[in-house]
C-alpha atoms as a PDB file:
ATOM      1  CA  MET A   1       0.000   0.000   0.000  1.00  0.00           C
ATOM      2  CA  ILE A   2       1.332   3.415  -0.960  1.00  0.00           C
ATOM      3  CA  VAL A   3       0.304   6.234   1.377  1.00  0.00           C
ATOM      4  CA  ALA A   4       0.857   9.962   0.918  1.00  0.00           C
ATOM      5  CA  ASP A   5       0.711  11.809   4.252  1.00  0.00           C
ATOM      6  CA  LEU A   6       0.188  15.585   4.017  1.00  0.00           C
ATOM      7  CA  SER A   7       1.845  16.004   7.417  1.00  0.00           C
ATOM      8  CA  GLN A   8       5.014  14.524   5.867  1.00  0.00           C
ATOM      9  CA  ILE A   9       4.901  16.292   2.469  1.00  0.00           C
ATOM     10  CA  GLU A  10       6.782  19.591   2.639  1.00  0.00           C
ATOM     11  CA  GLY A  11       5.461  20.845  -0.682  1.00  0.00           C
ATOM     12  CA  ARG A  12       6.592  23.925  -2.535  1.00  0.00           C
ATOM     13  CA  ARG A  13       6.110  27.595  -1.710  1.00  0.00           C
ATOM     14  CA  TYR A  14       5.298  29.857  -4.664  1.00  0.00           C
ATOM     15  CA  SER A  15       5.830  33.600  -4.871  1.00  0.00           C
ATOM     16  CA  ALA A  16       2.115  34.117  -5.602  1.00  0.00           C
ATOM     17  CA  ARG A  17       1.638  33.373  -1.880  1.00  0.00           C
ATOM     18  CA  ARG A  18       0.586  29.751  -1.844  1.00  0.00           C
ATOM     19  CA  GLN A  19       1.863  26.382  -0.659  1.00  0.00           C
ATOM     20  CA  THR A  20       1.262  23.342  -2.883  1.00  0.00           C
ATOM     21  CA  GLN A  21       1.601  19.752  -1.682  1.00  0.00           C
ATOM     22  CA  ASN A  22       1.437  16.894  -4.189  1.00  0.00           C
ATOM     23  CA  ILE A  23      -0.834  14.051  -3.107  1.00  0.00           C
ATOM     24  CA  ALA A  24      -0.537  12.085  -6.367  1.00  0.00           C
ATOM     25  CA  GLY A  25       2.141  12.972  -8.878  1.00  0.00           C
ATOM     26  CA  GLY A  26       5.102  15.304  -8.486  1.00  0.00           C
ATOM     27  CA  VAL A  27       7.210  14.420  -5.449  1.00  0.00           C
ATOM     28  CA  SER A  28       4.439  12.337  -3.847  1.00  0.00           C
ATOM     29  CA  PRO A  29       4.972   8.626  -3.255  1.00  0.00           C
ATOM     30  CA  ILE A  30       1.724   8.054  -5.219  1.00  0.00           C
ATOM     31  CA  GLN A  31       2.525   8.122  -8.925  1.00  0.00           C
ATOM     32  CA  ALA A  32      -0.793   7.745 -10.756  1.00  0.00           C
ATOM     33  CA  THR A  33      -0.782   7.953 -14.555  1.00  0.00           C
ATOM     34  CA  ALA A  34      -4.366   9.034 -15.244  1.00  0.00           C
ATOM     35  CA  PHE A  35      -4.440  12.030 -12.880  1.00  0.00           C
ATOM     36  CA  SER A  36      -2.500  14.304 -10.526  1.00  0.00           C
ATOM     37  CA  LEU A  37      -3.910  15.490  -7.199  1.00  0.00           C
ATOM     38  CA  GLY A  38      -2.738  18.165  -4.804  1.00  0.00           C
ATOM     39  CA  TYR A  39      -3.558  20.228  -1.738  1.00  0.00           C
ATOM     40  CA  VAL A  40      -3.077  23.995  -1.932  1.00  0.00           C
ATOM     41  CA  THR A  41      -3.134  26.642   0.790  1.00  0.00           C
ATOM     42  CA  LEU A  42      -3.650  30.193  -0.465  1.00  0.00           C
ATOM     43  CA  ASP A  43      -2.428  32.908   1.905  1.00  0.00           C
ATOM     44  CA  PRO A  44      -5.023  35.371   3.247  1.00  0.00           C
ATOM     45  CA  ASP A  45      -5.863  38.504   1.265  1.00  0.00           C
ATOM     46  CA  GLY A  46      -4.588  37.606  -2.184  1.00  0.00           C
ATOM     47  CA  GLY A  47      -2.764  34.260  -2.196  1.00  0.00           C
ATOM     48  CA  GLN A  48      -3.185  32.999  -5.739  1.00  0.00           C
ATOM     49  CA  VAL A  49      -2.899  30.368  -8.416  1.00  0.00           C
ATOM     50  CA  PRO A  50      -2.110  32.902 -11.185  1.00  0.00           C
ATOM     51  CA  TRP A  51      -3.752  33.129 -14.627  1.00  0.00           C
ATOM     52  CA  HIS A  52      -2.591  30.159 -16.709  1.00  0.00           C
ATOM     53  CA  ASN A  53      -3.765  27.303 -18.879  1.00  0.00           C
ATOM     54  CA  HIS A  54      -2.674  23.764 -19.721  1.00  0.00           C
ATOM     55  CA  ASP A  55      -3.705  20.775 -21.817  1.00  0.00           C
ATOM     56  CA  GLN A  56      -5.149  18.799 -18.907  1.00  0.00           C
ATOM     57  CA  GLU A  57      -8.753  19.160 -17.772  1.00  0.00           C
ATOM     58  CA  GLU A  58      -8.976  19.976 -14.078  1.00  0.00           C
ATOM     59  CA  VAL A  59     -11.251  20.348 -11.063  1.00  0.00           C
ATOM     60  CA  TYR A  60     -10.715  22.691  -8.094  1.00  0.00           C
ATOM     61  CA  ILE A  61     -12.543  21.882  -4.840  1.00  0.00           C
ATOM     62  CA  LEU A  62     -12.551  24.690  -2.266  1.00  0.00           C
ATOM     63  CA  LEU A  63     -12.372  23.090   1.180  1.00  0.00           C
ATOM     64  CA  GLU A  64     -12.050  26.228   3.292  1.00  0.00           C
ATOM     65  CA  GLY A  65     -12.289  29.971   2.764  1.00  0.00           C
ATOM     66  CA  THR A  66     -13.596  32.244   0.025  1.00  0.00           C
ATOM     67  CA  ALA A  67     -11.915  32.650  -3.339  1.00  0.00           C
ATOM     68  CA  GLU A  68     -12.480  34.387  -6.633  1.00  0.00           C
ATOM     69  CA  MET A  69     -12.433  31.985  -9.574  1.00  0.00           C
ATOM     70  CA  CYS A  70     -11.740  33.326 -13.048  1.00  0.00           C
ATOM     71  CA  LEU A  71     -12.328  30.931 -15.935  1.00  0.00           C
ATOM     72  CA  GLY A  72     -12.077  32.261 -19.474  1.00  0.00           C
ATOM     73  CA  GLU A  73     -14.362  35.304 -19.569  1.00  0.00           C
ATOM     74  CA  GLU A  74     -16.259  34.310 -16.400  1.00  0.00           C
ATOM     75  CA  ARG A  75     -15.682  35.362 -12.792  1.00  0.00           C
ATOM     76  CA  SER A  76     -17.356  33.921  -9.700  1.00  0.00           C
ATOM     77  CA  VAL A  77     -16.847  33.745  -5.941  1.00  0.00           C
ATOM     78  CA  LEU A  78     -16.423  30.217  -4.591  1.00  0.00           C
ATOM     79  CA  SER A  79     -17.111  29.279  -1.001  1.00  0.00           C
ATOM     80  CA  GLN A  80     -16.344  26.228   1.104  1.00  0.00           C
ATOM     81  CA  GLY A  81     -17.597  22.989  -0.426  1.00  0.00           C
ATOM     82  CA  GLN A  82     -17.875  24.204  -4.011  1.00  0.00           C
ATOM     83  CA  ALA A  83     -16.059  22.661  -6.959  1.00  0.00           C
ATOM     84  CA  VAL A  84     -15.393  24.067 -10.432  1.00  0.00           C
ATOM     85  CA  TYR A  85     -14.600  22.219 -13.666  1.00  0.00           C
ATOM     86  CA  ILE A  86     -11.803  23.675 -15.821  1.00  0.00           C
ATOM     87  CA  PRO A  87     -11.838  22.465 -19.447  1.00  0.00           C
ATOM     88  CA  SER A  88      -8.598  21.643 -21.229  1.00  0.00           C
ATOM     89  CA  GLY A  89      -6.834  24.736 -22.591  1.00  0.00           C
ATOM     90  CA  GLU A  90      -9.005  27.262 -20.701  1.00  0.00           C
ATOM     91  CA  PHE A  91      -7.195  30.079 -18.877  1.00  0.00           C
ATOM     92  CA  HIS A  92      -8.025  30.190 -15.170  1.00  0.00           C
ATOM     93  CA  GLN A  93      -6.984  31.852 -11.899  1.00  0.00           C
ATOM     94  CA  LEU A  94      -7.947  31.368  -8.243  1.00  0.00           C
ATOM     95  CA  THR A  95      -7.411  34.164  -5.684  1.00  0.00           C
ATOM     96  CA  ASN A  96      -8.092  34.089  -1.942  1.00  0.00           C
ATOM     97  CA  ILE A  97     -10.318  37.099  -1.239  1.00  0.00           C
ATOM     98  CA  GLY A  98     -10.744  36.310   2.459  1.00  0.00           C
ATOM     99  CA  SER A  99      -8.767  37.275   5.551  1.00  0.00           C
ATOM    100  CA  THR A 100      -8.023  33.645   6.478  1.00  0.00           C
ATOM    101  CA  PRO A 101      -6.186  30.947   4.492  1.00  0.00           C
ATOM    102  CA  ALA A 102      -8.167  29.288   1.708  1.00  0.00           C
ATOM    103  CA  ARG A 103      -7.535  25.592   1.156  1.00  0.00           C
ATOM    104  CA  MET A 104      -8.337  23.614  -1.950  1.00  0.00           C
ATOM    105  CA  ILE A 105      -7.705  20.376  -3.748  1.00  0.00           C
ATOM    106  CA  TYR A 106      -6.924  20.198  -7.437  1.00  0.00           C
ATOM    107  CA  CYS A 107      -7.217  17.150  -9.649  1.00  0.00           C
ATOM    108  CA  TYR A 108      -6.143  17.146 -13.277  1.00  0.00           C
ATOM    109  CA  GLY A 109      -5.685  14.488 -15.879  1.00  0.00           C
ATOM    110  CA  PRO A 110      -3.839  13.022 -17.462  1.00  0.00           C
ATOM    111  CA  ALA A 111      -1.040  13.112 -14.907  1.00  0.00           C
ATOM    112  CA  GLY A 112       2.144  15.022 -15.535  1.00  0.00           C
ATOM    113  CA  ASP A 113       3.832  18.324 -14.950  1.00  0.00           C
ATOM    114  CA  VAL A 114       2.005  21.531 -15.882  1.00  0.00           C
ATOM    115  CA  ALA A 115       4.071  24.368 -17.341  1.00  0.00           C
ATOM    116  CA  HIS A 116       2.719  27.137 -15.099  1.00  0.00           C
ATOM    117  CA  TRP A 117       4.637  25.778 -12.076  1.00  0.00           C
ATOM    118  CA  ARG A 118       7.959  26.156 -13.880  1.00  0.00           C
ATOM    119  CA  GLN A 119       6.889  29.457 -15.455  1.00  0.00           C
ATOM    120  CA  GLU A 120       5.964  30.964 -12.099  1.00  0.00           C
ATOM    121  CA  LEU A 121       9.230  29.861 -10.502  1.00  0.00           C
ATOM    122  CA  ALA A 122      11.191  31.261 -13.470  1.00  0.00           C
ATOM    123  CA  GLY A 123       9.185  34.510 -13.631  1.00  0.00           C
ATOM    124  CA  THR A 124       7.939  33.724 -17.166  1.00  0.00           C
ATOM    125  CA  LEU A 125       4.177  33.314 -16.661  1.00  0.00           C
ATOM    126  CA  PRO A 126       2.097  34.649 -19.572  1.00  0.00           C
ATOM    127  CA  ILE A 127       0.691  38.048 -18.559  1.00  0.00           C
ATOM    128  CA  ALA A 128      -3.070  38.518 -18.785  1.00  0.00           C
ATOM    129  CA  GLY A 129      -3.961  40.895 -21.601  1.00  0.00           C
ATOM    130  CA  VAL A 130      -0.404  40.823 -22.992  1.00  0.00           C
ATOM    131  CA  ASP A 131       0.769  37.234 -23.639  1.00  0.00           C
ATOM    132  CA  ALA A 132      -2.572  35.664 -22.700  1.00  0.00           C
ATOM    133  CA  PRO A 133      -6.253  36.592 -22.878  1.00  0.00           C
ATOM    134  CA  PRO A 134      -7.308  39.333 -20.433  1.00  0.00           C
ATOM    135  CA  LEU A 135      -8.829  38.478 -17.065  1.00  0.00           C
ATOM    136  CA  PRO A 136     -12.599  38.953 -16.732  1.00  0.00           C
ATOM    137  CA  THR A 137     -13.683  42.505 -15.958  1.00  0.00           C
ATOM    138  CA  GLY A 138     -13.504  43.345 -12.235  1.00  0.00           C
ATOM    139  CA  SER A 139     -11.320  40.401 -11.253  1.00  0.00           C
ATOM    140  CA  GLN A 140      -8.380  40.416  -8.883  1.00  0.00           C
ATOM    141  CA  PRO A 141      -5.129  41.249 -10.708  1.00  0.00           C
ATOM    142  CA  GLN A 142      -2.838  38.446 -11.799  1.00  0.00           C
ATOM    143  CA  PHE A 143       0.257  37.965  -9.670  1.00  0.00           C
ATOM    144  CA  VAL A 144       3.259  38.670 -11.887  1.00  0.00           C
ATOM    145  CA  PRO A 145       6.659  37.819 -10.376  1.00  0.00           C
ATOM    146  CA  ILE A 146       9.430  40.374 -10.715  1.00  0.00           C
ATOM    147  CA  PRO A 147      12.646  38.778 -12.003  1.00  0.00           C
ATOM    148  CA  GLU A 148      15.568  38.905  -9.583  1.00  0.00           C
ATOM    149  CA  GLY A 149      17.550  42.127  -9.804  1.00  0.00           C
ATOM    150  CA  GLU A 150      14.601  44.171 -11.088  1.00  0.00           C
ATOM    151  CA  SER A 151      12.276  46.405  -9.076  1.00  0.00           C
ATOM    152  CA  LYS A 152       8.707  47.619  -9.545  1.00  0.00           C
END
């Protein structure tokens, strides 16, 4: 039996103010081929999974907190217990709009690495309205990392 224990999975901290722990896939002991699964904690007041897309279809399940979900041209507020389906290739972003951490689970398939993790770490995420479609009107701004050595 292969067990992934969140209390033992350090995960990765991203500059968009979130912690991601792989439950299946990535550095997890569970290496499924049909899907990847993870647990994400978004910091209060703006922690984010920035605007991105990928070939896999995906589901986000908000376990705790309140978050703004942007999907293509749509924007909605998600609350605890709600799930959203993200079609393959569709740009999406999730932002914690509450004053406490928001926690969610993602599941995408097929399994594998998604480019936005590497892009965010490297500071090369597509920018909404420049390299990617614009965010829906009224949405929280996309987190855009500043490359090392540069300032705002």
